[in-house]
Amino acid sequence: MLTQGHTLTTGDFIATLAFEGTVHYLDLTVGLPSAPDPDPASLALVRRTLDGLLGTVLPGDWDDLTYALKGTGRVPVSESDRASIGALADRLPLIG
């Protein structure tokens, strides 16, 4: 499959759709505290993708949901977060 000038394998294309679906679900539910979290496997995929964009594994103790929300700019990175992850905080969000 050719997308934005890049060729993707079928697996990468499906992973891209799953990543986008998970992040857009967060867009719809970030302000709804009673909404169920995305599937854990979907959040793990988002974590792997964000780590890939970051070029390293994010240090600290963020769970997959927190990383998905903060790594994509759905929730702001706090000063406490900055102290925990250091200079990498300046690179967040990794996508808009």
C-alpha atoms as a PDB file:
ATOM      1  CA  MET A   1       0.000   0.000   0.000  1.00  0.00           C
ATOM      2  CA  LEU A   2       1.328   3.467  -0.901  1.00  0.00           C
ATOM      3  CA  THR A   3       0.459   6.288   1.494  1.00  0.00           C
ATOM      4  CA  GLN A   4       1.940   9.800   1.617  1.00  0.00           C
ATOM      5  CA  GLY A   5       4.742   8.636  -0.643  1.00  0.00           C
ATOM      6  CA  HIS A   6       5.683   5.688   1.585  1.00  0.00           C
ATOM      7  CA  THR A   7       5.066   2.026   0.992  1.00  0.00           C
ATOM      8  CA  LEU A   8       3.602   0.154   3.960  1.00  0.00           C
ATOM      9  CA  THR A   9       3.346  -3.545   4.527  1.00  0.00           C
ATOM     10  CA  THR A  10      -0.122  -4.837   5.291  1.00  0.00           C
ATOM     11  CA  GLY A  11       0.840  -5.270   8.945  1.00  0.00           C
ATOM     12  CA  ASP A  12       2.177  -1.720   9.209  1.00  0.00           C
ATOM     13  CA  PHE A  13      -0.936  -0.358   7.521  1.00  0.00           C
ATOM     14  CA  ILE A  14      -3.206  -2.186   9.975  1.00  0.00           C
ATOM     15  CA  ALA A  15      -1.051  -1.024  12.912  1.00  0.00           C
ATOM     16  CA  THR A  16      -1.332   2.570  11.631  1.00  0.00           C
ATOM     17  CA  LEU A  17      -5.115   2.299  11.512  1.00  0.00           C
ATOM     18  CA  ALA A  18      -5.211   0.779  15.012  1.00  0.00           C
ATOM     19  CA  PHE A  19      -2.950   3.556  16.346  1.00  0.00           C
ATOM     20  CA  GLU A  20      -5.145   6.237  14.778  1.00  0.00           C
ATOM     21  CA  GLY A  21      -8.325   4.577  15.998  1.00  0.00           C
ATOM     22  CA  THR A  22      -7.009   4.416  19.556  1.00  0.00           C
ATOM     23  CA  VAL A  23      -5.842   8.026  19.573  1.00  0.00           C
ATOM     24  CA  HIS A  24      -9.126   9.277  18.082  1.00  0.00           C
ATOM     25  CA  TYR A  25     -11.024   7.267  20.696  1.00  0.00           C
ATOM     26  CA  LEU A  26      -9.028   9.180  23.304  1.00  0.00           C
ATOM     27  CA  ASP A  27     -10.041  12.429  21.574  1.00  0.00           C
ATOM     28  CA  LEU A  28     -13.669  11.459  22.035  1.00  0.00           C
ATOM     29  CA  THR A  29     -13.364  10.286  25.641  1.00  0.00           C
ATOM     30  CA  VAL A  30     -10.635  12.376  27.307  1.00  0.00           C
ATOM     31  CA  GLY A  31     -13.309  14.557  28.960  1.00  0.00           C
ATOM     32  CA  LEU A  32     -15.551  11.633  29.911  1.00  0.00           C
ATOM     33  CA  PRO A  33     -14.229  10.081  33.125  1.00  0.00           C
ATOM     34  CA  SER A  34     -16.723   7.192  33.021  1.00  0.00           C
ATOM     35  CA  ALA A  35     -15.763   6.133  29.480  1.00  0.00           C
ATOM     36  CA  PRO A  36     -13.912   2.818  29.321  1.00  0.00           C
ATOM     37  CA  ASP A  37     -10.211   2.916  28.541  1.00  0.00           C
ATOM     38  CA  PRO A  38      -9.078   1.665  25.153  1.00  0.00           C
ATOM     39  CA  ASP A  39      -8.144  -2.001  24.887  1.00  0.00           C
ATOM     40  CA  PRO A  40      -4.791  -2.725  26.605  1.00  0.00           C
ATOM     41  CA  ALA A  41      -3.329  -4.179  23.392  1.00  0.00           C
ATOM     42  CA  SER A  42      -4.226  -0.961  21.550  1.00  0.00           C
ATOM     43  CA  LEU A  43      -2.547   1.139  24.231  1.00  0.00           C
ATOM     44  CA  ALA A  44       0.547  -1.088  24.070  1.00  0.00           C
ATOM     45  CA  LEU A  45       0.674  -0.456  20.298  1.00  0.00           C
ATOM     46  CA  VAL A  46       0.445   3.296  20.918  1.00  0.00           C
ATOM     47  CA  ARG A  47       3.320   3.034  23.430  1.00  0.00           C
ATOM     48  CA  ARG A  48       5.528   1.139  20.947  1.00  0.00           C
ATOM     49  CA  THR A  49       4.746   3.689  18.234  1.00  0.00           C
ATOM     50  CA  LEU A  50       5.469   6.676  20.471  1.00  0.00           C
ATOM     51  CA  ASP A  51       8.726   5.103  21.655  1.00  0.00           C
ATOM     52  CA  GLY A  52       9.633   4.612  17.998  1.00  0.00           C
ATOM     53  CA  LEU A  53       8.927   8.271  17.249  1.00  0.00           C
ATOM     54  CA  LEU A  54      10.875   9.300  20.350  1.00  0.00           C
ATOM     55  CA  GLY A  55      13.790   7.057  19.366  1.00  0.00           C
ATOM     56  CA  THR A  56      14.043   5.555  22.835  1.00  0.00           C
ATOM     57  CA  VAL A  57      11.922   3.988  25.540  1.00  0.00           C
ATOM     58  CA  LEU A  58      10.356   6.709  27.668  1.00  0.00           C
ATOM     59  CA  PRO A  59      11.849   6.603  31.171  1.00  0.00           C
ATOM     60  CA  GLY A  60       9.693   6.937  34.238  1.00  0.00           C
ATOM     61  CA  ASP A  61       6.583   5.176  35.381  1.00  0.00           C
ATOM     62  CA  TRP A  62       3.825   6.313  33.041  1.00  0.00           C
ATOM     63  CA  ASP A  63       1.330   3.579  32.270  1.00  0.00           C
ATOM     64  CA  ASP A  64       0.285   3.062  28.650  1.00  0.00           C
ATOM     65  CA  LEU A  65      -2.822   5.264  28.945  1.00  0.00           C
ATOM     66  CA  THR A  66      -0.908   8.174  30.494  1.00  0.00           C
ATOM     67  CA  TYR A  67       1.776   7.923  27.820  1.00  0.00           C
ATOM     68  CA  ALA A  68      -0.863   7.827  25.083  1.00  0.00           C
ATOM     69  CA  LEU A  69      -2.597  10.915  26.468  1.00  0.00           C
ATOM     70  CA  LYS A  70       0.527  12.962  27.154  1.00  0.00           C
ATOM     71  CA  GLY A  71       2.603  11.669  24.265  1.00  0.00           C
ATOM     72  CA  THR A  72      -0.075  12.718  21.780  1.00  0.00           C
ATOM     73  CA  GLY A  73      -0.903  16.046  23.426  1.00  0.00           C
ATOM     74  CA  ARG A  74      -4.359  15.087  24.672  1.00  0.00           C
ATOM     75  CA  VAL A  75      -3.238  15.932  28.228  1.00  0.00           C
ATOM     76  CA  PRO A  76      -0.474  18.450  29.006  1.00  0.00           C
ATOM     77  CA  VAL A  77       2.888  17.412  30.430  1.00  0.00           C
ATOM     78  CA  SER A  78       3.206  18.720  33.999  1.00  0.00           C
ATOM     79  CA  GLU A  79       6.261  20.065  35.774  1.00  0.00           C
ATOM     80  CA  SER A  80       6.341  16.840  37.795  1.00  0.00           C
ATOM     81  CA  ASP A  81       6.390  14.897  34.517  1.00  0.00           C
ATOM     82  CA  ARG A  82       9.255  17.047  33.287  1.00  0.00           C
ATOM     83  CA  ALA A  83      11.238  16.232  36.417  1.00  0.00           C
ATOM     84  CA  SER A  84      10.544  12.531  35.872  1.00  0.00           C
ATOM     85  CA  ILE A  85      11.422  12.237  32.173  1.00  0.00           C
ATOM     86  CA  GLY A  86      13.886  15.094  31.814  1.00  0.00           C
ATOM     87  CA  ALA A  87      14.725  16.694  28.489  1.00  0.00           C
ATOM     88  CA  LEU A  88      12.524  14.223  26.606  1.00  0.00           C
ATOM     89  CA  ALA A  89       9.533  16.219  27.886  1.00  0.00           C
ATOM     90  CA  ASP A  90      10.531  19.011  25.483  1.00  0.00           C
ATOM     91  CA  ARG A  91       9.821  16.649  22.570  1.00  0.00           C
ATOM     92  CA  LEU A  92       6.233  15.973  23.638  1.00  0.00           C
ATOM     93  CA  PRO A  93       3.737  15.777  22.138  1.00  0.00           C
ATOM     94  CA  LEU A  94       5.126  13.469  19.470  1.00  0.00           C
ATOM     95  CA  ILE A  95       2.021  13.852  17.300  1.00  0.00           C
ATOM     96  CA  GLY A  96      -0.692  16.479  17.262  1.00  0.00           C
END
